[in-house]
Amino acid sequence: LKYVGALIAKGLPYAEVLQKAREEAEARCAQSASDPFTDKEIVQIVRSTFKSHERNHPAEAKTVDGGVDQALDMTDVRIAELQDEALDEWPQEILHPGGLLEKLADYTEASAARTERIFAVGGAVSCLGAVASQRVCNVSGLRTNMYVLLVGRSSSGKDAPRKAIIRILKAGSPDLSALFGGSDISSDTSILTYLNRDNCRRSLFVIDEIGLFFKNVKNPNSPKCNIIKVLTELYSKANDGHIKRYANQENDIVIPWLSLSLLGMSVPSELWPSLNSGETTNGFLSRCFVIESKADYKESRDEDDVILDMPQDVVDGIQHIWDIDVGDKMPIEAGTDGKGIDLVLYPKPWVIRFSKEAKTYSKEQKRKTEDAQRKAVDRGDDAAASIYGRNNEHAIKLALIKYLSDNWQKSHAEIRKGQVTLEQVQWAWLFTSEKCRRTIESMAGEIHSSDFEAYQQKVYKVIKKEYLKNKKKGIDKPGATLSVISRSITELDKRQLQAVLDKGVQANMLRLVACKPSSAGRPCYVYAITEEIET
């Protein structure tokens, strides 16, 4: 084997290596008493050694008509500078919003053995947004209800906000406690039936492992199959209510007004694969405010350091926002198209206006996000365009929530007369922009329109992991060898894996790069992730 390997490393063709191997076997047999190799065994040795060499040194097998193969051609491309996602931290300005949000996040952290600060802030936003919805709005009637998804690795503490929020709501008045809508949904009708109860029209559903939940609702024969559709519709129905008609009008569900909020938790490996490329553009995901953390595993705190007792000022602050008088209540009659129902009181939230500076800043940011949306459409990235399309709405909601957070100790009359400030709008847009960037990056890497595309991303992940590992050790290898990639992706045979790699080369996303020769003097080639050089 060593003799054959040395011949191949010298660049000899197959036929010559085979002939020399036969001659060497014959000579060794004459010099020793060992049994001779059969010709079949010699052919097998040479063939398998050639295959191993091609797998470990693919560049030597990829010359085209004497020219430079595209896999080796670095013209107009360069090796991408890859960053460890665990080091991509959320800005400190987002993590420490001040006011009631800060206190809610602090309590979430203090009451959990382990959590990420960004999850604590996300939970606080979800809670305060649900409490304040139908209490305040902007001039266009936009409420503060949000669909917040916390996405992180297992044991990252993304469940801590769920527990903290439930404890805080239950510590409030009976009607505030009723804001918690439950932890599971059996069908779309069950949502509507629940929201149609007088004390449940403002509800916050808190769903753990929402990625698995999304998978389960895809069965067309399941009573859950229309849940996503209904959640998508109800998100923006705070202004005009919702009606579900049946053949028998007595079974109609008529909800004159509502406000639905959602907090979901999931690991990335369950959330993103539960969505296909079409579901990224149908409106539901864009409505969700996805907060994802890829931070490294964090050690849990000592049980003696966990504080479950709720600060009274936090409970009082949430209750204070909940108790805001909704202004002039107006009796309405919903469903007057021949059916008619009893008159109900319809809430009219107080309009909180934005300062001149805040409006100017919002217009600038809205223009930028609309430009980004147009560019996404031009390059055919409908998923990214869909996410950009909700940025302005999310920023307005966050600005209103931040306004209430900063003014939670003021009287209701002072809150009603105040204005959203430039600082509050800047925080809201920073949070929204960071969320948008991270969500689009995750969608690009995790959601696929085909199995081939999924395997492409698996290959890139293997290469990136090897690149970061080598970089950390100071090894000059900007990627992964073919053997490393093939060992990591066992679902594909050699031909299928090579097809995936070749596709990456054609798209200028991969190149073969020569590295320092091995101790045996053999050349080493790795597949590296590349990016096109802008001219």
Protein backbone atom coordinates (compact mmCIF):
# COMPACT_ATOMS: atom_id res chain seq x y z
CA LEU A 1 0.00 0.00 0.00
CA LYS A 2 2.78 2.45 0.90
CA TYR A 3 4.57 1.71 -2.39
CA VAL A 4 1.39 2.24 -4.41
CA GLY A 5 0.55 5.40 -2.48
CA ALA A 6 4.02 6.83 -3.15
CA LEU A 7 3.63 6.21 -6.88
CA ILE A 8 0.24 7.93 -6.96
CA ALA A 9 1.58 10.89 -4.95
CA LYS A 10 4.19 11.39 -7.67
CA GLY A 11 1.36 11.92 -10.16
CA LEU A 12 1.76 8.69 -12.15
CA PRO A 13 -1.33 7.63 -14.15
CA TYR A 14 -3.39 4.60 -13.20
CA ALA A 15 -2.04 2.27 -15.90
CA GLU A 16 1.59 2.98 -15.02
CA VAL A 17 0.96 2.57 -11.29
CA LEU A 18 -0.76 -0.76 -11.91
CA GLN A 19 2.14 -2.02 -14.07
CA LYS A 20 4.77 -0.98 -11.52
CA ALA A 21 2.70 -2.54 -8.70
CA ARG A 22 2.63 -5.87 -10.57
CA GLU A 23 6.39 -5.73 -11.11
CA GLU A 24 7.03 -4.85 -7.46
CA ALA A 25 4.77 -7.67 -6.25
CA GLU A 26 6.58 -10.16 -8.47
CA ALA A 27 10.00 -8.98 -7.26
CA ARG A 28 9.03 -9.18 -3.59
CA CYS A 29 7.59 -12.65 -4.07
CA ALA A 30 10.88 -13.85 -5.56
CA GLN A 31 12.84 -12.46 -2.60
CA SER A 32 10.67 -13.98 0.13
CA ALA A 33 8.81 -17.13 0.94
CA SER A 34 5.47 -15.34 1.35
CA ASP A 35 2.47 -16.20 -0.79
CA PRO A 36 2.30 -14.09 -3.97
CA PHE A 37 -0.44 -11.50 -4.54
CA THR A 38 -2.99 -12.53 -7.11
CA ASP A 39 -3.50 -10.12 -9.99
CA LYS A 40 -7.05 -9.46 -8.73
CA GLU A 41 -5.67 -8.40 -5.32
CA ILE A 42 -3.13 -6.07 -6.96
CA VAL A 43 -5.84 -4.41 -9.03
CA GLN A 44 -8.04 -3.98 -5.95
CA ILE A 45 -5.17 -2.39 -3.97
CA VAL A 46 -4.32 0.06 -6.73
CA ARG A 47 -7.95 0.95 -7.38
CA SER A 48 -8.82 1.54 -3.70
CA THR A 49 -5.64 3.56 -3.14
CA PHE A 50 -6.45 5.74 -6.14
CA LYS A 51 -9.97 6.34 -4.79
CA SER A 52 -8.62 7.32 -1.38
CA HIS A 53 -6.13 9.68 -2.98
CA GLU A 54 -8.80 11.34 -5.13
CA ARG A 55 -11.03 11.74 -2.10
CA ASN A 56 -8.30 13.37 -0.01
CA HIS A 57 -6.72 15.37 -2.86
CA PRO A 58 -9.57 16.28 -5.20
CA ALA A 59 -7.73 19.14 -6.87
CA GLU A 60 -5.34 16.77 -8.64
CA ALA A 61 -8.27 15.08 -10.36
CA LYS A 62 -9.99 18.26 -11.51
CA THR A 63 -7.96 19.71 -14.41
CA VAL A 64 -9.87 20.57 -17.56
CA ASP A 65 -8.18 20.42 -20.97
CA GLY A 66 -4.93 21.63 -19.49
CA GLY A 67 -6.56 24.83 -18.21
CA VAL A 68 -7.25 26.03 -14.67
CA ASP A 69 -10.28 24.31 -13.15
CA GLN A 70 -12.96 26.64 -11.73
CA ALA A 71 -12.58 24.91 -8.35
CA LEU A 72 -9.05 26.32 -8.13
CA ASP A 73 -9.67 29.65 -9.84
CA MET A 74 -9.70 32.50 -7.29
CA THR A 75 -10.32 35.19 -9.90
CA ASP A 76 -13.07 37.57 -8.71
CA VAL A 77 -13.58 35.63 -5.44
CA ARG A 78 -11.89 35.56 -2.06
CA ILE A 79 -12.03 33.38 1.02
CA ALA A 80 -14.86 34.59 3.23
CA GLU A 81 -14.04 35.82 6.74
CA LEU A 82 -16.40 33.67 8.79
CA GLN A 83 -17.41 34.62 12.31
CA ASP A 84 -18.41 32.38 15.18
CA GLU A 85 -22.16 32.87 15.57
CA ALA A 86 -21.80 32.44 19.33
CA LEU A 87 -19.80 35.68 19.37
CA ASP A 88 -22.51 37.63 17.52
CA GLU A 89 -23.93 39.21 20.65
CA TRP A 90 -27.01 41.39 20.87
CA PRO A 91 -26.21 45.09 21.46
CA GLN A 92 -26.13 46.19 25.07
CA GLU A 93 -28.62 48.99 24.34
CA ILE A 94 -31.22 46.34 23.51
CA LEU A 95 -30.36 44.16 26.49
CA HIS A 96 -30.84 47.02 28.96
CA PRO A 97 -33.92 49.03 27.91
CA GLY A 98 -34.49 50.61 31.30
CA GLY A 99 -37.84 51.23 32.94
CA LEU A 100 -40.38 48.50 33.55
CA LEU A 101 -38.91 46.33 30.78
CA GLU A 102 -35.58 46.33 32.63
CA LYS A 103 -37.26 45.32 35.87
CA LEU A 104 -39.21 42.52 34.17
CA ALA A 105 -36.05 41.21 32.51
CA ASP A 106 -34.11 41.43 35.79
CA TYR A 107 -36.77 39.39 37.58
CA THR A 108 -36.81 36.80 34.78
CA GLU A 109 -33.05 36.33 35.15
CA ALA A 110 -33.16 36.29 38.94
CA SER A 111 -35.93 33.67 39.04
CA ALA A 112 -34.21 31.25 36.62
CA ALA A 113 -31.32 28.87 37.09
CA ARG A 114 -30.23 29.67 33.56
CA THR A 115 -31.35 32.05 30.80
CA GLU A 116 -30.05 34.46 28.18
CA ARG A 117 -30.55 38.16 28.80
CA ILE A 118 -32.05 38.62 25.33
CA PHE A 119 -34.71 36.01 26.15
CA ALA A 120 -35.53 37.88 29.36
CA VAL A 121 -35.95 41.13 27.38
CA GLY A 122 -38.04 39.36 24.71
CA GLY A 123 -40.33 37.93 27.36
CA ALA A 124 -40.69 41.35 28.97
CA VAL A 125 -41.65 42.90 25.62
CA SER A 126 -44.22 40.17 25.01
CA CYS A 127 -45.74 40.59 28.48
CA LEU A 128 -45.93 44.39 28.49
CA GLY A 129 -47.20 44.45 24.90
CA ALA A 130 -50.04 42.08 25.77
CA VAL A 131 -50.93 44.01 28.93
CA ALA A 132 -51.00 47.37 27.13
CA SER A 133 -52.84 46.23 24.02
CA GLN A 134 -56.25 47.91 23.62
CA ARG A 135 -55.01 50.49 26.14
CA VAL A 136 -52.85 52.58 23.81
CA CYS A 137 -52.22 52.79 20.06
CA ASN A 138 -50.58 55.07 17.51
CA VAL A 139 -52.45 57.47 15.22
CA SER A 140 -53.18 54.71 12.70
CA GLY A 141 -54.65 52.46 15.39
CA LEU A 142 -51.72 50.05 15.69
CA ARG A 143 -51.81 48.21 19.02
CA THR A 144 -48.96 46.73 21.08
CA ASN A 145 -49.82 43.03 20.78
CA MET A 146 -46.92 40.99 19.39
CA TYR A 147 -46.04 37.44 18.36
CA VAL A 148 -42.62 36.86 19.96
CA LEU A 149 -40.62 33.68 19.29
CA LEU A 150 -37.59 32.88 21.47
CA VAL A 151 -35.19 30.55 19.68
CA GLY A 152 -32.14 29.03 21.33
CA ARG A 153 -30.25 25.86 22.01
CA SER A 154 -31.54 23.27 24.42
CA SER A 155 -30.92 24.27 28.07
CA SER A 156 -30.30 27.89 27.05
CA GLY A 157 -33.02 29.12 29.42
CA LYS A 158 -35.57 30.23 26.82
CA ASP A 159 -38.30 28.79 29.04
CA ALA A 160 -37.53 31.21 31.90
CA PRO A 161 -39.67 34.09 30.50
CA ARG A 162 -42.70 31.79 30.27
CA LYS A 163 -42.51 30.92 33.95
CA ALA A 164 -41.82 34.49 35.04
CA ILE A 165 -44.70 35.95 33.00
CA ILE A 166 -47.23 33.43 34.31
CA ARG A 167 -46.20 34.13 37.91
CA ILE A 168 -46.46 37.90 37.42
CA LEU A 169 -49.89 37.75 35.72
CA LYS A 170 -51.29 35.47 38.40
CA ALA A 171 -50.10 37.88 41.09
CA GLY A 172 -52.29 40.63 39.63
CA SER A 173 -56.04 41.19 39.71
CA PRO A 174 -58.39 38.41 38.52
CA ASP A 175 -58.96 40.06 35.14
CA LEU A 176 -55.20 40.53 34.67
CA SER A 177 -54.65 36.86 35.53
CA ALA A 178 -57.15 35.98 32.80
CA LEU A 179 -54.77 37.51 30.22
CA PHE A 180 -52.88 34.20 30.19
CA GLY A 181 -54.68 32.25 27.49
CA GLY A 182 -53.01 28.87 27.95
CA SER A 183 -50.07 26.78 26.74
CA ASP A 184 -51.63 24.78 23.92
CA ILE A 185 -54.21 25.21 21.18
CA SER A 186 -56.38 22.29 20.07
CA SER A 187 -57.95 23.89 16.96
CA ASP A 188 -58.64 27.18 15.23
CA THR A 189 -62.20 27.11 16.55
CA SER A 190 -60.94 26.73 20.12
CA ILE A 191 -58.99 30.00 19.73
CA LEU A 192 -62.06 31.88 18.53
CA THR A 193 -64.33 30.35 21.16
CA TYR A 194 -61.90 31.33 23.89
CA LEU A 195 -61.45 34.90 22.60
CA ASN A 196 -65.24 35.32 22.45
CA ARG A 197 -65.51 35.15 26.22
CA ASP A 198 -66.01 38.58 27.76
CA ASN A 199 -62.92 38.49 29.98
CA CYS A 200 -60.67 36.73 27.45
CA ARG A 201 -60.70 39.03 24.43
CA ARG A 202 -57.24 40.19 25.36
CA SER A 203 -55.15 37.05 25.61
CA LEU A 204 -51.52 35.99 25.67
CA PHE A 205 -50.88 32.39 24.60
CA VAL A 206 -47.53 31.01 25.78
CA ILE A 207 -46.47 27.89 23.84
CA ASP A 208 -43.35 25.89 24.62
CA GLU A 209 -41.62 23.93 21.82
CA ILE A 210 -43.52 25.91 19.21
CA GLY A 211 -41.40 24.34 16.47
CA LEU A 212 -42.97 20.96 17.23
CA PHE A 213 -46.34 22.71 17.41
CA PHE A 214 -45.87 24.06 13.86
CA LYS A 215 -45.01 20.56 12.63
CA ASN A 216 -48.17 19.11 14.15
CA VAL A 217 -50.49 21.67 12.56
CA LYS A 218 -49.45 20.60 9.04
CA ASN A 219 -51.55 17.44 9.02
CA PRO A 220 -54.50 18.34 6.74
CA ASN A 221 -56.73 15.88 8.60
CA SER A 222 -55.96 17.38 12.00
CA PRO A 223 -58.29 19.87 13.73
CA LYS A 224 -55.15 21.99 14.13
CA CYS A 225 -54.56 22.41 10.40
CA ASN A 226 -56.09 25.94 10.23
CA ILE A 227 -54.43 27.32 13.37
CA ILE A 228 -51.64 29.16 11.55
CA LYS A 229 -54.13 30.71 9.14
CA VAL A 230 -56.30 31.97 12.01
CA LEU A 231 -53.30 33.25 14.01
CA THR A 232 -52.16 35.16 10.92
CA GLU A 233 -55.59 36.76 10.52
CA LEU A 234 -56.09 37.62 14.19
CA TYR A 235 -52.76 39.40 14.54
CA SER A 236 -54.16 42.55 12.93
CA LYS A 237 -57.82 42.20 13.96
CA ALA A 238 -57.64 44.43 17.03
CA ASN A 239 -59.47 47.18 15.17
CA ASP A 240 -62.39 45.31 13.61
CA GLY A 241 -62.93 41.99 15.37
CA HIS A 242 -63.49 38.65 13.70
CA ILE A 243 -66.45 36.61 12.45
CA LYS A 244 -66.50 32.91 11.59
CA ARG A 245 -69.59 31.81 9.67
CA TYR A 246 -71.21 28.38 9.67
CA ALA A 247 -74.03 26.91 7.57
CA ASN A 248 -76.15 27.05 10.70
CA GLN A 249 -76.07 30.72 11.71
CA GLU A 250 -76.70 29.81 15.32
CA ASN A 251 -73.17 28.39 15.40
CA ASP A 252 -71.55 31.59 14.13
CA ILE A 253 -68.68 32.96 16.22
CA VAL A 254 -68.78 36.75 16.31
CA ILE A 255 -65.95 38.47 18.19
CA PRO A 256 -66.61 42.23 18.24
CA TRP A 257 -63.08 43.10 19.37
CA LEU A 258 -59.96 41.26 20.43
CA SER A 259 -56.25 41.48 21.01
CA LEU A 260 -54.17 38.33 20.64
CA SER A 261 -50.54 38.04 21.70
CA LEU A 262 -48.25 35.04 21.43
CA LEU A 263 -45.00 33.97 23.09
CA GLY A 264 -43.35 30.84 21.75
CA MET A 265 -40.12 29.03 22.57
CA SER A 266 -38.19 26.59 20.38
CA VAL A 267 -34.80 25.13 19.57
CA PRO A 268 -33.52 26.10 16.09
CA SER A 269 -33.43 22.47 14.94
CA GLU A 270 -37.20 22.21 15.44
CA LEU A 271 -38.38 25.68 14.40
CA TRP A 272 -36.63 26.24 11.08
CA PRO A 273 -37.10 22.73 9.61
CA SER A 274 -40.80 22.98 10.48
CA LEU A 275 -41.09 25.75 7.88
CA ASN A 276 -40.68 25.39 4.13
CA SER A 277 -39.71 28.15 1.71
CA GLY A 278 -43.36 28.90 0.87
CA GLU A 279 -44.27 29.39 4.52
CA THR A 280 -41.65 32.13 4.87
CA THR A 281 -43.66 34.34 2.51
CA ASN A 282 -47.27 33.62 3.51
CA GLY A 283 -47.29 36.32 6.18
CA PHE A 284 -47.18 34.41 9.45
CA LEU A 285 -43.41 34.30 9.99
CA SER A 286 -43.06 37.98 9.05
CA ARG A 287 -45.60 38.85 11.75
CA CYS A 288 -43.48 37.04 14.33
CA PHE A 289 -40.72 38.89 16.15
CA VAL A 290 -38.07 36.16 16.19
CA ILE A 291 -35.41 36.55 18.88
CA GLU A 292 -32.65 34.00 18.36
CA SER A 293 -29.54 33.48 20.46
CA LYS A 294 -26.65 31.29 19.33
CA ALA A 295 -24.56 31.92 22.43
CA ASP A 296 -22.48 29.13 23.88
CA TYR A 297 -23.87 26.89 26.62
CA LYS A 298 -24.11 28.70 29.95
CA GLU A 299 -23.62 27.02 33.31
CA SER A 300 -26.66 27.03 35.58
CA ARG A 301 -26.66 29.09 38.75
CA ASP A 302 -26.73 27.61 42.20
CA GLU A 303 -30.28 26.90 43.40
CA ASP A 304 -29.72 29.09 46.45
CA ASP A 305 -29.20 32.07 44.14
CA VAL A 306 -32.58 31.68 42.40
CA ILE A 307 -35.12 34.24 43.62
CA LEU A 308 -38.77 33.39 42.94
CA ASP A 309 -40.30 36.16 45.06
CA MET A 310 -41.63 38.82 42.74
CA PRO A 311 -40.69 42.46 43.37
CA GLN A 312 -43.92 44.21 44.35
CA ASP A 313 -43.11 47.22 42.23
CA VAL A 314 -43.01 45.01 39.12
CA VAL A 315 -46.42 43.50 39.92
CA ASP A 316 -47.81 46.97 40.68
CA GLY A 317 -46.32 48.39 37.49
CA ILE A 318 -47.92 45.73 35.29
CA GLN A 319 -51.24 46.22 37.09
CA HIS A 320 -50.94 49.99 36.64
CA ILE A 321 -50.59 49.64 32.86
CA TRP A 322 -53.45 47.13 32.76
CA ASP A 323 -55.72 49.52 34.64
CA ILE A 324 -55.34 52.37 32.14
CA ASP A 325 -58.82 53.65 31.32
CA VAL A 326 -59.48 52.88 27.66
CA GLY A 327 -61.09 56.24 27.08
CA ASP A 328 -64.54 56.62 25.66
CA LYS A 329 -66.25 53.24 25.39
CA MET A 330 -68.59 53.00 22.50
CA PRO A 331 -71.52 50.55 22.26
CA ILE A 332 -71.49 48.72 18.95
CA GLU A 333 -73.55 46.01 17.34
CA ALA A 334 -71.38 43.44 15.58
CA GLY A 335 -72.76 41.21 12.85
CA THR A 336 -75.66 43.47 11.89
CA ASP A 337 -76.01 41.80 8.48
CA GLY A 338 -79.41 40.32 9.34
CA LYS A 339 -78.28 38.36 12.37
CA GLY A 340 -77.67 40.93 15.08
CA ILE A 341 -76.25 40.30 18.54
CA ASP A 342 -76.37 42.03 21.87
CA LEU A 343 -74.71 45.41 22.20
CA VAL A 344 -71.21 45.28 23.64
CA LEU A 345 -68.71 47.88 24.83
CA TYR A 346 -65.95 48.46 22.33
CA PRO A 347 -62.64 49.80 23.74
CA LYS A 348 -61.12 52.92 22.24
CA PRO A 349 -57.41 52.98 23.13
CA TRP A 350 -55.72 56.26 23.88
CA VAL A 351 -53.69 57.57 20.94
CA ILE A 352 -50.05 58.16 21.89
CA ARG A 353 -48.44 60.53 19.44
CA PHE A 354 -44.81 60.57 18.35
CA SER A 355 -42.63 63.66 18.79
CA LYS A 356 -41.46 65.53 15.69
CA GLU A 357 -37.93 64.14 16.04
CA ALA A 358 -39.28 60.61 16.54
CA LYS A 359 -41.43 60.85 13.40
CA THR A 360 -38.52 62.17 11.34
CA TYR A 361 -36.27 59.33 12.48
CA SER A 362 -38.99 56.74 11.83
CA LYS A 363 -39.48 58.02 8.28
CA GLU A 364 -35.74 57.70 7.59
CA GLN A 365 -35.64 54.15 8.91
CA LYS A 366 -38.81 53.23 7.05
CA ARG A 367 -37.26 54.47 3.80
CA LYS A 368 -34.12 52.39 4.41
CA THR A 369 -36.08 49.23 5.14
CA GLU A 370 -38.24 49.78 2.06
CA ASP A 371 -35.06 50.10 -0.04
CA ALA A 372 -33.81 46.82 1.45
CA GLN A 373 -37.17 45.23 0.67
CA ARG A 374 -37.00 46.33 -2.98
CA LYS A 375 -33.47 44.95 -3.33
CA ALA A 376 -34.63 41.64 -1.86
CA VAL A 377 -37.45 41.49 -4.41
CA ASP A 378 -35.03 42.30 -7.25
CA ARG A 379 -32.75 39.41 -6.32
CA GLY A 380 -35.71 37.04 -5.95
CA ASP A 381 -35.48 36.71 -2.15
CA ASP A 382 -39.19 36.85 -1.35
CA ALA A 383 -38.64 35.53 2.18
CA ALA A 384 -36.34 38.42 3.10
CA ALA A 385 -38.70 40.89 1.42
CA SER A 386 -41.53 39.58 3.58
CA ILE A 387 -39.52 40.11 6.77
CA TYR A 388 -38.50 43.64 5.75
CA GLY A 389 -42.16 44.40 5.01
CA ARG A 390 -43.12 44.18 8.70
CA ASN A 391 -40.19 46.18 10.12
CA ASN A 392 -42.03 49.49 10.37
CA GLU A 393 -45.00 47.89 12.12
CA HIS A 394 -42.79 46.08 14.62
CA ALA A 395 -40.81 49.25 15.33
CA ILE A 396 -43.98 51.24 16.07
CA LYS A 397 -45.23 48.56 18.46
CA LEU A 398 -41.87 48.41 20.23
CA ALA A 399 -41.71 52.20 20.49
CA LEU A 400 -45.13 52.28 22.19
CA ILE A 401 -44.06 49.51 24.57
CA LYS A 402 -40.83 51.35 25.37
CA TYR A 403 -42.83 54.52 25.98
CA LEU A 404 -45.00 52.77 28.55
CA SER A 405 -41.95 51.12 30.08
CA ASP A 406 -40.25 54.47 30.59
CA ASN A 407 -43.39 56.15 31.97
CA TRP A 408 -44.81 53.32 34.07
CA GLN A 409 -44.61 55.34 37.30
CA LYS A 410 -46.58 58.28 35.93
CA SER A 411 -50.31 58.77 36.33
CA HIS A 412 -52.69 57.59 33.63
CA ALA A 413 -53.45 61.18 32.71
CA GLU A 414 -49.73 61.92 32.22
CA ILE A 415 -49.28 58.77 30.14
CA ARG A 416 -52.18 59.75 27.87
CA LYS A 417 -50.76 63.26 27.28
CA GLY A 418 -47.15 62.20 26.66
CA GLN A 419 -45.33 61.60 23.38
CA VAL A 420 -43.02 58.85 22.13
CA THR A 421 -39.50 60.30 22.15
CA LEU A 422 -36.62 60.04 19.69
CA GLU A 423 -34.68 57.82 22.11
CA GLN A 424 -37.57 55.37 22.38
CA VAL A 425 -37.95 55.16 18.60
CA GLN A 426 -34.20 54.65 18.16
CA TRP A 427 -34.26 51.73 20.60
CA ALA A 428 -37.26 50.22 18.80
CA TRP A 429 -35.61 50.44 15.37
CA LEU A 430 -32.30 49.07 16.66
CA PHE A 431 -34.10 46.05 18.12
CA THR A 432 -36.16 45.56 14.96
CA SER A 433 -33.16 45.86 12.63
CA GLU A 434 -31.12 43.36 14.65
CA LYS A 435 -34.04 40.95 14.70
CA CYS A 436 -34.52 41.36 10.96
CA ARG A 437 -30.87 40.68 10.11
CA ARG A 438 -30.65 37.60 12.27
CA THR A 439 -33.95 36.16 11.06
CA ILE A 440 -33.00 36.58 7.40
CA GLU A 441 -29.61 34.93 8.03
CA SER A 442 -31.25 31.99 9.80
CA MET A 443 -33.84 31.55 7.05
CA ALA A 444 -31.12 31.54 4.40
CA GLY A 445 -29.17 28.87 6.26
CA GLU A 446 -31.96 26.72 7.66
CA ILE A 447 -35.01 26.82 5.34
CA HIS A 448 -34.73 25.00 2.03
CA SER A 449 -36.85 24.50 -1.05
CA SER A 450 -35.30 21.09 -1.84
CA ASP A 451 -33.24 18.27 -0.31
CA PHE A 452 -30.31 19.28 -2.51
CA GLU A 453 -30.37 22.79 -1.06
CA ALA A 454 -30.53 21.33 2.45
CA TYR A 455 -27.42 19.24 1.81
CA GLN A 456 -25.65 22.31 0.44
CA GLN A 457 -26.22 24.06 3.75
CA LYS A 458 -25.02 21.00 5.66
CA VAL A 459 -21.80 21.06 3.63
CA TYR A 460 -21.30 24.77 4.33
CA LYS A 461 -21.85 24.20 8.05
CA VAL A 462 -19.20 21.45 8.11
CA ILE A 463 -16.73 23.68 6.26
CA LYS A 464 -17.45 26.64 8.52
CA LYS A 465 -17.07 24.54 11.66
CA GLU A 466 -13.71 23.21 10.47
CA TYR A 467 -12.60 26.71 9.44
CA LEU A 468 -13.39 28.15 12.87
CA LYS A 469 -11.75 25.21 14.65
CA ASN A 470 -8.56 25.59 12.61
CA LYS A 471 -8.57 29.36 13.08
CA LYS A 472 -8.87 28.96 16.85
CA LYS A 473 -5.90 26.56 16.86
CA GLY A 474 -3.83 28.78 14.57
CA ILE A 475 -3.84 26.20 11.75
CA ASP A 476 -3.64 27.63 8.24
CA LYS A 477 -6.53 25.66 6.76
CA PRO A 478 -9.48 27.89 5.73
CA GLY A 479 -11.89 25.02 5.24
CA ALA A 480 -12.41 21.26 5.32
CA THR A 481 -10.91 18.42 3.32
CA LEU A 482 -13.15 16.20 1.27
CA SER A 483 -12.59 13.34 3.69
CA VAL A 484 -13.77 15.47 6.65
CA ILE A 485 -16.89 16.54 4.74
CA SER A 486 -17.74 13.00 3.63
CA ARG A 487 -17.36 11.67 7.19
CA SER A 488 -19.71 14.37 8.48
CA ILE A 489 -22.40 13.87 5.82
CA THR A 490 -22.89 10.13 5.61
CA GLU A 491 -26.30 10.34 3.92
CA LEU A 492 -24.67 11.09 0.56
CA ASP A 493 -22.47 8.80 -1.49
CA LYS A 494 -19.31 10.09 -3.19
CA ARG A 495 -21.06 11.03 -6.44
CA GLN A 496 -23.90 12.89 -4.68
CA LEU A 497 -21.53 14.76 -2.38
CA GLN A 498 -19.35 15.79 -5.31
CA ALA A 499 -22.43 17.12 -7.11
CA VAL A 500 -23.23 19.32 -4.11
CA LEU A 501 -19.65 20.59 -3.94
CA ASP A 502 -19.53 21.26 -7.70
CA LYS A 503 -22.74 23.26 -7.46
CA GLY A 504 -21.18 25.39 -4.74
CA VAL A 505 -18.14 25.98 -6.94
CA GLN A 506 -20.33 27.00 -9.89
CA ALA A 507 -22.16 29.49 -7.66
CA ASN A 508 -18.80 30.99 -6.55
CA MET A 509 -19.56 29.97 -2.97
CA LEU A 510 -16.83 27.31 -2.73
CA ARG A 511 -13.25 26.91 -3.92
CA LEU A 512 -10.45 24.37 -3.48
CA VAL A 513 -7.52 25.97 -1.69
CA ALA A 514 -4.03 24.51 -1.43
CA CYS A 515 -2.66 24.36 2.09
CA LYS A 516 0.67 23.47 3.68
CA PRO A 517 1.80 19.95 2.59
CA SER A 518 1.46 17.12 5.07
CA SER A 519 4.42 15.65 6.96
CA ALA A 520 4.72 13.09 4.16
CA GLY A 521 5.13 15.93 1.67
CA ARG A 522 1.79 15.38 0.01
CA PRO A 523 -0.21 18.44 -1.09
CA CYS A 524 -3.33 19.21 0.93
CA TYR A 525 -6.48 20.81 -0.46
CA VAL A 526 -9.50 22.04 1.45
CA TYR A 527 -12.89 23.30 0.36
CA ALA A 528 -13.26 26.90 1.54
CA ILE A 529 -16.32 29.15 1.58
CA THR A 530 -15.82 32.12 -0.73
CA GLU A 531 -17.49 35.39 -1.59
CA GLU A 532 -17.44 37.38 -4.79
CA ILE A 533 -15.25 40.49 -4.90
CA GLU A 534 -17.30 43.57 -5.64
CA THR A 535 -15.86 45.61 -8.49
